[in-house]
Amino acid sequence: MWSSTKPITSLTALVLISRGLISPSDPVSKYWPEFAAAGKDQTPITFAELMDVPYSTKLLAAQAPWWEPGTQSGYHSLTYGHLIGEVVLRVTGKTLGKFIEFELAGPLGADFRLGCPQSEWGRIAETVPPPPPEAGAAMPAHITPGSVAMRVFTSPAMDAQSANSESWRKSECGAGNGHGNARGLARLLEVVARGGTVDGKEILTPETVDLIFEEQCFGQDLVIGKKVRMGMGFGLWGKEWIGEFLPEGKTAFWGGWGGSPGAVDVPRGLVIAYVMNKMENGEVRNTACRGYVKSIYDILQTKGEHQALID
């Protein structure tokens, strides 16, 4: 699912907030002492900043920030799950994959795994990489030698074929290697769409769901190269940014490399999820992602929302 995994990783942290096990205003080093290294104790990075994709900084425990925390945003294409997952492990004793299995996917009956045991590999469709860029195609303007984006995308350079490898399938990479189908993804995102409670099971408190929609940052992202507006672990609706294709209001989304969107519309109690194995170029909200989401809302508008949701 590539980065459509990230909202599910965000849900793990939101569950801990709901249970009072962590606070979004606490320094990360309260739960993960080693994270205070390289001066990060002098400019404390809060868990809210760690959860929020563009507000997060390209750090691991021993690494110094690339900029003063809170002054810029940079998308964590691959390290998002490492950082959140370590806090989940320190607080609960469970790895990110096990926490998702026992606290989210299992109780909700969602066909979703972070990483995948070999016994399930027969169910996995081989990933078909996107077509190569056209000959002579220009590099995006924000990817220049020495830029943050260049450093992120070349260390290492990502190969879509890696999704078919044994090491990828076995790992628990909370930024990108969720395995499942659209129903499984939608079932987990239903937690947000339904205000935290699904089929009588309270996964998140209503107050924690509200946190998702509190703007954490809105501005140019140094890695994505576009404006982003982020809440707590999800992208939010906003004009003149990559979430503008969503309806205005309490809507949230994120998307994966190749075209897999996961979108949540709380007022309508609606979840839109699409997962594919044949990838298109682009990420987060490419043509396929925008097209599928737009088609759903076109149907709602044409048929009338009430009848369309029943259908």
C-alpha atoms as a PDB file:
ATOM      1  CA  MET A   1       0.000   0.000   0.000  1.00  0.00           C
ATOM      2  CA  TRP A   2       3.051   2.234   0.127  1.00  0.00           C
ATOM      3  CA  SER A   3       2.235   5.469   1.996  1.00  0.00           C
ATOM      4  CA  SER A   4      -1.437   4.620   2.416  1.00  0.00           C
ATOM      5  CA  THR A   5       0.063   2.701   5.345  1.00  0.00           C
ATOM      6  CA  LYS A   6       0.925   5.936   7.155  1.00  0.00           C
ATOM      7  CA  PRO A   7      -2.607   6.774   8.411  1.00  0.00           C
ATOM      8  CA  ILE A   8      -2.785   3.323  10.005  1.00  0.00           C
ATOM      9  CA  THR A   9       0.555   3.930  11.695  1.00  0.00           C
ATOM     10  CA  SER A  10      -0.862   7.259  12.884  1.00  0.00           C
ATOM     11  CA  LEU A  11      -3.857   5.434  14.357  1.00  0.00           C
ATOM     12  CA  THR A  12      -1.544   3.433  16.647  1.00  0.00           C
ATOM     13  CA  ALA A  13      -0.287   6.628  18.255  1.00  0.00           C
ATOM     14  CA  LEU A  14      -3.791   8.056  18.452  1.00  0.00           C
ATOM     15  CA  VAL A  15      -4.888   4.914  20.311  1.00  0.00           C
ATOM     16  CA  LEU A  16      -2.131   5.517  22.874  1.00  0.00           C
ATOM     17  CA  ILE A  17      -3.282   9.124  23.253  1.00  0.00           C
ATOM     18  CA  SER A  18      -6.875   7.940  23.765  1.00  0.00           C
ATOM     19  CA  ARG A  19      -5.737   5.572  26.497  1.00  0.00           C
ATOM     20  CA  GLY A  20      -3.741   8.260  28.265  1.00  0.00           C
ATOM     21  CA  LEU A  21      -0.464   6.412  27.695  1.00  0.00           C
ATOM     22  CA  ILE A  22       1.179   9.303  25.869  1.00  0.00           C
ATOM     23  CA  SER A  23       0.482  13.000  25.455  1.00  0.00           C
ATOM     24  CA  PRO A  24       0.962  14.825  22.154  1.00  0.00           C
ATOM     25  CA  SER A  25       2.536  17.738  24.024  1.00  0.00           C
ATOM     26  CA  ASP A  26       5.261  15.645  25.692  1.00  0.00           C
ATOM     27  CA  PRO A  27       8.834  15.529  24.361  1.00  0.00           C
ATOM     28  CA  VAL A  28       9.533  12.302  22.489  1.00  0.00           C
ATOM     29  CA  SER A  29      12.512  11.708  24.789  1.00  0.00           C
ATOM     30  CA  LYS A  30      10.124  11.166  27.721  1.00  0.00           C
ATOM     31  CA  TYR A  31       9.261   7.796  26.166  1.00  0.00           C
ATOM     32  CA  TRP A  32      12.442   7.247  24.143  1.00  0.00           C
ATOM     33  CA  PRO A  33      15.391   8.730  26.107  1.00  0.00           C
ATOM     34  CA  GLU A  34      17.965   8.135  23.368  1.00  0.00           C
ATOM     35  CA  PHE A  35      16.019  10.507  21.127  1.00  0.00           C
ATOM     36  CA  ALA A  36      17.381  13.450  23.129  1.00  0.00           C
ATOM     37  CA  ALA A  37      20.830  12.981  21.526  1.00  0.00           C
ATOM     38  CA  ALA A  38      22.491  15.534  19.226  1.00  0.00           C
ATOM     39  CA  GLY A  39      20.881  18.529  20.880  1.00  0.00           C
ATOM     40  CA  LYS A  40      17.291  17.400  20.512  1.00  0.00           C
ATOM     41  CA  ASP A  41      16.896  17.824  24.266  1.00  0.00           C
ATOM     42  CA  GLN A  42      17.648  21.545  23.883  1.00  0.00           C
ATOM     43  CA  THR A  43      14.875  22.071  21.334  1.00  0.00           C
ATOM     44  CA  PRO A  44      12.356  19.438  22.448  1.00  0.00           C
ATOM     45  CA  ILE A  45      10.441  17.796  19.628  1.00  0.00           C
ATOM     46  CA  THR A  46       6.932  16.915  20.744  1.00  0.00           C
ATOM     47  CA  PHE A  47       5.099  13.756  19.848  1.00  0.00           C
ATOM     48  CA  ALA A  48       2.604  15.867  17.922  1.00  0.00           C
ATOM     49  CA  GLU A  49       5.460  17.024  15.703  1.00  0.00           C
ATOM     50  CA  LEU A  50       6.743  13.476  15.334  1.00  0.00           C
ATOM     51  CA  MET A  51       3.329  12.177  14.259  1.00  0.00           C
ATOM     52  CA  ASP A  52       2.682  14.933  11.759  1.00  0.00           C
ATOM     53  CA  VAL A  53       4.321  13.882   8.490  1.00  0.00           C
ATOM     54  CA  PRO A  54       5.467  17.258   7.079  1.00  0.00           C
ATOM     55  CA  TYR A  55       6.180  18.755  10.502  1.00  0.00           C
ATOM     56  CA  SER A  56       8.404  15.822  11.382  1.00  0.00           C
ATOM     57  CA  THR A  57      12.132  16.162  10.844  1.00  0.00           C
ATOM     58  CA  LYS A  58      14.475  13.704   9.173  1.00  0.00           C
ATOM     59  CA  LEU A  59      15.824  12.274  12.382  1.00  0.00           C
ATOM     60  CA  LEU A  60      16.649   9.059  14.039  1.00  0.00           C
ATOM     61  CA  ALA A  61      17.741   8.852  17.656  1.00  0.00           C
ATOM     62  CA  ALA A  62      21.402   9.822  17.165  1.00  0.00           C
ATOM     63  CA  GLN A  63      20.878  12.309  14.350  1.00  0.00           C
ATOM     64  CA  ALA A  64      20.880  16.066  14.665  1.00  0.00           C
ATOM     65  CA  PRO A  65      17.953  17.970  13.136  1.00  0.00           C
ATOM     66  CA  TRP A  66      18.478  19.250   9.605  1.00  0.00           C
ATOM     67  CA  TRP A  67      16.766  22.488  10.645  1.00  0.00           C
ATOM     68  CA  GLU A  68      15.414  23.987  13.856  1.00  0.00           C
ATOM     69  CA  PRO A  69      12.310  21.949  14.735  1.00  0.00           C
ATOM     70  CA  GLY A  70       9.153  23.897  14.039  1.00  0.00           C
ATOM     71  CA  THR A  71      10.608  26.154  11.345  1.00  0.00           C
ATOM     72  CA  GLN A  72      10.218  23.894   8.279  1.00  0.00           C
ATOM     73  CA  SER A  73       8.401  20.729   7.237  1.00  0.00           C
ATOM     74  CA  GLY A  74       9.758  17.688   5.433  1.00  0.00           C
ATOM     75  CA  TYR A  75       7.891  14.513   4.489  1.00  0.00           C
ATOM     76  CA  HIS A  76       9.131  11.280   6.043  1.00  0.00           C
ATOM     77  CA  SER A  77       8.849   8.993   3.049  1.00  0.00           C
ATOM     78  CA  LEU A  78      10.375   5.957   4.803  1.00  0.00           C
ATOM     79  CA  THR A  79      11.269   6.840   8.408  1.00  0.00           C
ATOM     80  CA  TYR A  80       7.787   7.812   9.604  1.00  0.00           C
ATOM     81  CA  GLY A  81       7.021   4.361  10.954  1.00  0.00           C
ATOM     82  CA  HIS A  82      10.466   3.862  12.495  1.00  0.00           C
ATOM     83  CA  LEU A  83       9.970   6.916  14.693  1.00  0.00           C
ATOM     84  CA  ILE A  84       6.361   6.362  15.731  1.00  0.00           C
ATOM     85  CA  GLY A  85       6.931   2.624  15.992  1.00  0.00           C
ATOM     86  CA  GLU A  86       9.778   3.049  18.462  1.00  0.00           C
ATOM     87  CA  VAL A  87       7.560   5.107  20.776  1.00  0.00           C
ATOM     88  CA  VAL A  88       4.797   2.481  20.477  1.00  0.00           C
ATOM     89  CA  LEU A  89       7.341  -0.218  21.367  1.00  0.00           C
ATOM     90  CA  ARG A  90       8.723   1.699  24.364  1.00  0.00           C
ATOM     91  CA  VAL A  91       5.258   2.401  25.762  1.00  0.00           C
ATOM     92  CA  THR A  92       3.490  -0.915  25.068  1.00  0.00           C
ATOM     93  CA  GLY A  93       6.229  -3.513  24.562  1.00  0.00           C
ATOM     94  CA  LYS A  94       4.674  -4.390  21.185  1.00  0.00           C
ATOM     95  CA  THR A  95       6.228  -3.774  17.805  1.00  0.00           C
ATOM     96  CA  LEU A  96       4.222  -1.599  15.462  1.00  0.00           C
ATOM     97  CA  GLY A  97       3.076  -4.618  13.455  1.00  0.00           C
ATOM     98  CA  LYS A  98       1.955  -6.531  16.529  1.00  0.00           C
ATOM     99  CA  PHE A  99       0.152  -3.508  17.932  1.00  0.00           C
ATOM    100  CA  ILE A 100      -1.773  -3.087  14.684  1.00  0.00           C
ATOM    101  CA  GLU A 101      -2.567  -6.804  14.618  1.00  0.00           C
ATOM    102  CA  PHE A 102      -3.847  -7.083  18.194  1.00  0.00           C
ATOM    103  CA  GLU A 103      -5.257  -3.620  18.894  1.00  0.00           C
ATOM    104  CA  LEU A 104      -6.665  -2.536  15.519  1.00  0.00           C
ATOM    105  CA  ALA A 105      -6.883  -5.043  12.667  1.00  0.00           C
ATOM    106  CA  GLY A 106      -7.795  -8.019  14.847  1.00  0.00           C
ATOM    107  CA  PRO A 107     -10.600  -6.422  16.884  1.00  0.00           C
ATOM    108  CA  LEU A 108     -12.048  -4.785  13.754  1.00  0.00           C
ATOM    109  CA  GLY A 109     -11.700  -7.816  11.494  1.00  0.00           C
ATOM    110  CA  ALA A 110      -9.628  -5.812   9.010  1.00  0.00           C
ATOM    111  CA  ASP A 111      -7.633  -7.695   6.378  1.00  0.00           C
ATOM    112  CA  PHE A 112      -4.472  -5.669   6.931  1.00  0.00           C
ATOM    113  CA  ARG A 113      -0.957  -6.460   8.092  1.00  0.00           C
ATOM    114  CA  LEU A 114       2.165  -4.418   8.562  1.00  0.00           C
ATOM    115  CA  GLY A 115       4.654  -6.669   6.869  1.00  0.00           C
ATOM    116  CA  CYS A 116       3.339 -10.075   5.925  1.00  0.00           C
ATOM    117  CA  PRO A 117       4.164 -13.629   7.118  1.00  0.00           C
ATOM    118  CA  GLN A 118       5.362 -16.012   4.428  1.00  0.00           C
ATOM    119  CA  SER A 119       2.239 -18.131   4.889  1.00  0.00           C
ATOM    120  CA  GLU A 120       0.232 -15.256   3.351  1.00  0.00           C
ATOM    121  CA  TRP A 121       2.487 -14.487   0.400  1.00  0.00           C
ATOM    122  CA  GLY A 122       0.301 -16.473  -1.971  1.00  0.00           C
ATOM    123  CA  ARG A 123      -2.374 -13.797  -1.522  1.00  0.00           C
ATOM    124  CA  ILE A 124      -0.091 -10.924  -2.503  1.00  0.00           C
ATOM    125  CA  ALA A 125      -0.331  -9.558  -6.042  1.00  0.00           C
ATOM    126  CA  GLU A 126       3.089  -8.745  -7.487  1.00  0.00           C
ATOM    127  CA  THR A 127       3.776  -5.018  -7.608  1.00  0.00           C
ATOM    128  CA  VAL A 128       4.049  -3.662 -11.153  1.00  0.00           C
ATOM    129  CA  PRO A 129       6.294  -0.566 -11.094  1.00  0.00           C
ATOM    130  CA  PRO A 130       5.168   2.658 -12.767  1.00  0.00           C
ATOM    131  CA  PRO A 131       6.416   3.383 -16.276  1.00  0.00           C
ATOM    132  CA  PRO A 132       9.802   5.126 -16.455  1.00  0.00           C
ATOM    133  CA  PRO A 133       9.837   8.892 -16.932  1.00  0.00           C
ATOM    134  CA  GLU A 134       9.812  10.112 -20.498  1.00  0.00           C
ATOM    135  CA  ALA A 135      13.228  10.632 -22.049  1.00  0.00           C
ATOM    136  CA  GLY A 136      14.474  14.112 -21.307  1.00  0.00           C
ATOM    137  CA  ALA A 137      11.876  14.758 -18.612  1.00  0.00           C
ATOM    138  CA  ALA A 138      13.019  17.476 -16.240  1.00  0.00           C
ATOM    139  CA  MET A 139      13.640  16.774 -12.570  1.00  0.00           C
ATOM    140  CA  PRO A 140      11.116  18.528 -10.300  1.00  0.00           C
ATOM    141  CA  ALA A 141      12.394  22.014  -9.552  1.00  0.00           C
ATOM    142  CA  HIS A 142      12.770  21.423  -5.807  1.00  0.00           C
ATOM    143  CA  ILE A 143      15.053  18.397  -6.268  1.00  0.00           C
ATOM    144  CA  THR A 144      18.467  19.983  -6.716  1.00  0.00           C
ATOM    145  CA  PRO A 145      21.969  18.858  -5.671  1.00  0.00           C
ATOM    146  CA  GLY A 146      22.274  19.115  -1.902  1.00  0.00           C
ATOM    147  CA  SER A 147      18.579  19.864  -1.343  1.00  0.00           C
ATOM    148  CA  VAL A 148      16.599  18.169   1.409  1.00  0.00           C
ATOM    149  CA  ALA A 149      14.482  16.424  -1.233  1.00  0.00           C
ATOM    150  CA  MET A 150      17.563  15.073  -3.030  1.00  0.00           C
ATOM    151  CA  ARG A 151      18.982  13.767   0.253  1.00  0.00           C
ATOM    152  CA  VAL A 152      15.701  12.033   1.108  1.00  0.00           C
ATOM    153  CA  PHE A 153      15.039  10.472  -2.287  1.00  0.00           C
ATOM    154  CA  THR A 154      18.600   9.246  -2.884  1.00  0.00           C
ATOM    155  CA  SER A 155      19.496   7.740   0.490  1.00  0.00           C
ATOM    156  CA  PRO A 156      18.631   5.207  -0.716  1.00  0.00           C
ATOM    157  CA  ALA A 157      16.846   5.676  -4.018  1.00  0.00           C
ATOM    158  CA  MET A 158      13.543   3.796  -3.849  1.00  0.00           C
ATOM    159  CA  ASP A 159      12.872   0.979  -6.302  1.00  0.00           C
ATOM    160  CA  ALA A 160       9.238  -0.119  -6.631  1.00  0.00           C
ATOM    161  CA  GLN A 161      10.419  -3.676  -7.319  1.00  0.00           C
ATOM    162  CA  SER A 162      11.606  -3.847  -3.710  1.00  0.00           C
ATOM    163  CA  ALA A 163       7.968  -4.397  -2.699  1.00  0.00           C
ATOM    164  CA  ASN A 164       8.248  -7.894  -4.184  1.00  0.00           C
ATOM    165  CA  SER A 165      11.344  -8.793  -2.162  1.00  0.00           C
ATOM    166  CA  GLU A 166      11.450 -11.134   0.814  1.00  0.00           C
ATOM    167  CA  SER A 167      13.067  -8.529   3.066  1.00  0.00           C
ATOM    168  CA  TRP A 168      10.369  -5.937   2.310  1.00  0.00           C
ATOM    169  CA  ARG A 169       7.508  -8.331   2.936  1.00  0.00           C
ATOM    170  CA  LYS A 170       8.965  -9.487   6.250  1.00  0.00           C
ATOM    171  CA  SER A 171       9.802  -6.047   7.633  1.00  0.00           C
ATOM    172  CA  GLU A 172       7.489  -3.790   9.632  1.00  0.00           C
ATOM    173  CA  CYS A 173       7.967  -0.498   7.826  1.00  0.00           C
ATOM    174  CA  GLY A 174       5.173   1.688   9.137  1.00  0.00           C
ATOM    175  CA  ALA A 175       5.795   4.269   6.421  1.00  0.00           C
ATOM    176  CA  GLY A 176       4.982   2.035   3.501  1.00  0.00           C
ATOM    177  CA  ASN A 177       4.659  -1.732   3.657  1.00  0.00           C
ATOM    178  CA  GLY A 178       1.135  -2.284   4.827  1.00  0.00           C
ATOM    179  CA  HIS A 179      -0.304  -5.371   3.123  1.00  0.00           C
ATOM    180  CA  GLY A 180      -4.021  -5.830   2.615  1.00  0.00           C
ATOM    181  CA  ASN A 181      -6.869  -4.790   0.385  1.00  0.00           C
ATOM    182  CA  ALA A 182      -9.169  -1.801   0.019  1.00  0.00           C
ATOM    183  CA  ARG A 183     -11.764  -3.283   2.382  1.00  0.00           C
ATOM    184  CA  GLY A 184      -9.134  -3.748   5.064  1.00  0.00           C
ATOM    185  CA  LEU A 185      -7.840  -0.213   4.685  1.00  0.00           C
ATOM    186  CA  ALA A 186     -11.375   1.199   4.695  1.00  0.00           C
ATOM    187  CA  ARG A 187     -12.307  -0.788   7.786  1.00  0.00           C
ATOM    188  CA  LEU A 188      -9.443   0.729   9.756  1.00  0.00           C
ATOM    189  CA  LEU A 189     -10.134   4.258   8.516  1.00  0.00           C
ATOM    190  CA  GLU A 190     -13.766   3.771   9.522  1.00  0.00           C
ATOM    191  CA  VAL A 191     -12.556   4.439  13.070  1.00  0.00           C
ATOM    192  CA  VAL A 192     -12.071   8.090  12.131  1.00  0.00           C
ATOM    193  CA  ALA A 193     -15.191   8.393   9.961  1.00  0.00           C
ATOM    194  CA  ARG A 194     -17.388   7.098  12.784  1.00  0.00           C
ATOM    195  CA  GLY A 195     -15.967   9.305  15.503  1.00  0.00           C
ATOM    196  CA  GLY A 196     -13.771   6.655  17.118  1.00  0.00           C
ATOM    197  CA  THR A 197     -16.298   3.859  17.745  1.00  0.00           C
ATOM    198  CA  VAL A 198     -17.006   1.020  15.294  1.00  0.00           C
ATOM    199  CA  ASP A 199     -19.607  -1.687  15.956  1.00  0.00           C
ATOM    200  CA  GLY A 200     -19.720  -0.737  19.622  1.00  0.00           C
ATOM    201  CA  LYS A 201     -15.921  -0.888  20.044  1.00  0.00           C
ATOM    202  CA  GLU A 202     -14.366   2.398  21.121  1.00  0.00           C
ATOM    203  CA  ILE A 203     -10.958   2.584  19.461  1.00  0.00           C
ATOM    204  CA  LEU A 204     -10.483   6.347  19.863  1.00  0.00           C
ATOM    205  CA  THR A 205     -12.252   8.836  22.091  1.00  0.00           C
ATOM    206  CA  PRO A 206     -14.159  11.583  20.245  1.00  0.00           C
ATOM    207  CA  GLU A 207     -11.658  14.076  21.652  1.00  0.00           C
ATOM    208  CA  THR A 208      -8.785  12.166  20.064  1.00  0.00           C
ATOM    209  CA  VAL A 209     -10.573  12.081  16.713  1.00  0.00           C
ATOM    210  CA  ASP A 210     -10.883  15.867  16.960  1.00  0.00           C
ATOM    211  CA  LEU A 211      -7.090  16.084  17.350  1.00  0.00           C
ATOM    212  CA  ILE A 212      -6.695  14.701  13.826  1.00  0.00           C
ATOM    213  CA  PHE A 213      -8.329  17.835  12.435  1.00  0.00           C
ATOM    214  CA  GLU A 214      -6.272  20.360  14.398  1.00  0.00           C
ATOM    215  CA  GLU A 215      -3.935  21.992  11.901  1.00  0.00           C
ATOM    216  CA  GLN A 216      -0.293  21.283  12.732  1.00  0.00           C
ATOM    217  CA  CYS A 217       1.250  22.993   9.720  1.00  0.00           C
ATOM    218  CA  PHE A 218       0.295  24.565   6.401  1.00  0.00           C
ATOM    219  CA  GLY A 219       3.076  25.503   4.022  1.00  0.00           C
ATOM    220  CA  GLN A 220       5.657  24.387   1.500  1.00  0.00           C
ATOM    221  CA  ASP A 221       7.073  20.938   2.201  1.00  0.00           C
ATOM    222  CA  LEU A 222      10.795  20.632   1.455  1.00  0.00           C
ATOM    223  CA  VAL A 223      10.523  16.998   0.350  1.00  0.00           C
ATOM    224  CA  ILE A 224       7.217  16.910  -1.534  1.00  0.00           C
ATOM    225  CA  GLY A 225       7.867  20.308  -3.079  1.00  0.00           C
ATOM    226  CA  LYS A 226       4.267  21.445  -2.708  1.00  0.00           C
ATOM    227  CA  LYS A 227       2.097  23.069  -0.069  1.00  0.00           C
ATOM    228  CA  VAL A 228       0.764  20.674   2.522  1.00  0.00           C
ATOM    229  CA  ARG A 229      -1.774  21.134   5.300  1.00  0.00           C
ATOM    230  CA  MET A 230      -1.480  18.527   8.003  1.00  0.00           C
ATOM    231  CA  GLY A 231      -3.442  17.580  11.075  1.00  0.00           C
ATOM    232  CA  MET A 232      -2.416  14.928  13.579  1.00  0.00           C
ATOM    233  CA  GLY A 233      -1.176  12.156  11.311  1.00  0.00           C
ATOM    234  CA  PHE A 234      -3.417  12.911   8.313  1.00  0.00           C
ATOM    235  CA  GLY A 235      -3.515  15.400   5.459  1.00  0.00           C
ATOM    236  CA  LEU A 236      -6.432  17.836   5.690  1.00  0.00           C
ATOM    237  CA  TRP A 237      -8.565  19.721   3.218  1.00  0.00           C
ATOM    238  CA  GLY A 238      -7.128  23.077   2.207  1.00  0.00           C
ATOM    239  CA  LYS A 239      -7.107  25.494  -0.707  1.00  0.00           C
ATOM    240  CA  GLU A 240      -4.058  25.684  -2.970  1.00  0.00           C
ATOM    241  CA  TRP A 241      -2.438  22.539  -1.693  1.00  0.00           C
ATOM    242  CA  ILE A 242      -2.459  18.814  -2.507  1.00  0.00           C
ATOM    243  CA  GLY A 243      -5.620  18.227  -0.446  1.00  0.00           C
ATOM    244  CA  GLU A 244      -7.786  20.708  -2.331  1.00  0.00           C
ATOM    245  CA  PHE A 245      -9.594  17.895  -4.187  1.00  0.00           C
ATOM    246  CA  LEU A 246     -11.376  16.967  -0.937  1.00  0.00           C
ATOM    247  CA  PRO A 247     -14.634  18.653   0.111  1.00  0.00           C
ATOM    248  CA  GLU A 248     -14.237  21.497   2.564  1.00  0.00           C
ATOM    249  CA  GLY A 249     -14.823  20.506   6.170  1.00  0.00           C
ATOM    250  CA  LYS A 250     -13.847  17.648   8.442  1.00  0.00           C
ATOM    251  CA  THR A 251     -12.141  15.556   5.767  1.00  0.00           C
ATOM    252  CA  ALA A 252      -8.733  13.885   5.865  1.00  0.00           C
ATOM    253  CA  PHE A 253      -6.642  11.662   3.654  1.00  0.00           C
ATOM    254  CA  TRP A 254      -3.294  10.343   2.600  1.00  0.00           C
ATOM    255  CA  GLY A 255      -2.205   8.406  -0.451  1.00  0.00           C
ATOM    256  CA  GLY A 256       0.444   5.951  -1.526  1.00  0.00           C
ATOM    257  CA  TRP A 257       3.021   5.846  -4.297  1.00  0.00           C
ATOM    258  CA  GLY A 258       1.355   4.629  -7.460  1.00  0.00           C
ATOM    259  CA  GLY A 259      -2.160   5.870  -6.751  1.00  0.00           C
ATOM    260  CA  SER A 260      -3.730   4.301  -3.643  1.00  0.00           C
ATOM    261  CA  PRO A 261      -5.862   6.812  -1.700  1.00  0.00           C
ATOM    262  CA  GLY A 262      -7.410   6.515   1.721  1.00  0.00           C
ATOM    263  CA  ALA A 263      -9.850   9.352   2.447  1.00  0.00           C
ATOM    264  CA  VAL A 264     -12.176  10.006   5.383  1.00  0.00           C
ATOM    265  CA  ASP A 265     -15.227  12.281   5.446  1.00  0.00           C
ATOM    266  CA  VAL A 266     -16.566  12.557   9.001  1.00  0.00           C
ATOM    267  CA  PRO A 267     -19.773  14.559   8.308  1.00  0.00           C
ATOM    268  CA  ARG A 268     -20.890  11.936   5.786  1.00  0.00           C
ATOM    269  CA  GLY A 269     -19.526   8.932   7.709  1.00  0.00           C
ATOM    270  CA  LEU A 270     -17.723   8.069   4.473  1.00  0.00           C
ATOM    271  CA  VAL A 271     -14.458   6.257   3.759  1.00  0.00           C
ATOM    272  CA  ILE A 272     -12.904   5.964   0.299  1.00  0.00           C
ATOM    273  CA  ALA A 273     -10.121   3.425  -0.172  1.00  0.00           C
ATOM    274  CA  TYR A 274      -8.479   2.076  -3.301  1.00  0.00           C
ATOM    275  CA  VAL A 275      -5.508  -0.276  -3.463  1.00  0.00           C
ATOM    276  CA  MET A 276      -3.783  -1.446  -6.630  1.00  0.00           C
ATOM    277  CA  ASN A 277      -0.716  -3.438  -7.602  1.00  0.00           C
ATOM    278  CA  LYS A 278      -0.135  -1.734 -10.990  1.00  0.00           C
ATOM    279  CA  MET A 279       1.392   1.613 -10.158  1.00  0.00           C
ATOM    280  CA  GLU A 280       1.131   4.963 -11.906  1.00  0.00           C
ATOM    281  CA  ASN A 281       3.696   7.711 -11.647  1.00  0.00           C
ATOM    282  CA  GLY A 282       3.359  10.181  -8.821  1.00  0.00           C
ATOM    283  CA  GLU A 283       2.586   9.869  -5.155  1.00  0.00           C
ATOM    284  CA  VAL A 284       0.234  11.090  -2.426  1.00  0.00           C
ATOM    285  CA  ARG A 285      -2.427  12.395  -4.799  1.00  0.00           C
ATOM    286  CA  ASN A 286      -1.579  11.439  -8.373  1.00  0.00           C
ATOM    287  CA  THR A 287      -4.098  11.301 -11.222  1.00  0.00           C
ATOM    288  CA  ALA A 288      -5.548   7.941 -10.172  1.00  0.00           C
ATOM    289  CA  CYS A 289      -5.905   8.971  -6.524  1.00  0.00           C
ATOM    290  CA  ARG A 290      -7.693  12.219  -7.367  1.00  0.00           C
ATOM    291  CA  GLY A 291      -9.805  10.529 -10.031  1.00  0.00           C
ATOM    292  CA  TYR A 292     -11.217   7.838  -7.759  1.00  0.00           C
ATOM    293  CA  VAL A 293     -12.017  10.248  -4.953  1.00  0.00           C
ATOM    294  CA  LYS A 294     -13.640  12.732  -7.351  1.00  0.00           C
ATOM    295  CA  SER A 295     -15.754   9.966  -8.922  1.00  0.00           C
ATOM    296  CA  ILE A 296     -17.204   8.994  -5.552  1.00  0.00           C
ATOM    297  CA  TYR A 297     -18.198  12.565  -4.752  1.00  0.00           C
ATOM    298  CA  ASP A 298     -19.635  13.007  -8.247  1.00  0.00           C
ATOM    299  CA  ILE A 299     -21.885  10.003  -7.588  1.00  0.00           C
ATOM    300  CA  LEU A 300     -22.979  11.458  -4.250  1.00  0.00           C
ATOM    301  CA  GLN A 301     -23.849  14.755  -5.892  1.00  0.00           C
ATOM    302  CA  THR A 302     -25.651  13.181  -8.857  1.00  0.00           C
ATOM    303  CA  LYS A 303     -27.754  10.629  -6.973  1.00  0.00           C
ATOM    304  CA  GLY A 304     -28.244  12.589  -3.804  1.00  0.00           C
ATOM    305  CA  GLU A 305     -26.017  11.823  -0.869  1.00  0.00           C
ATOM    306  CA  HIS A 306     -28.509   9.818   1.170  1.00  0.00           C
ATOM    307  CA  GLN A 307     -29.456   7.427  -1.633  1.00  0.00           C
ATOM    308  CA  ALA A 308     -25.887   7.070  -2.876  1.00  0.00           C
ATOM    309  CA  LEU A 309     -24.624   6.142   0.583  1.00  0.00           C
ATOM    310  CA  ILE A 310     -27.378   3.524   0.882  1.00  0.00           C
ATOM    311  CA  ASP A 311     -26.405   2.080  -2.517  1.00  0.00           C
END
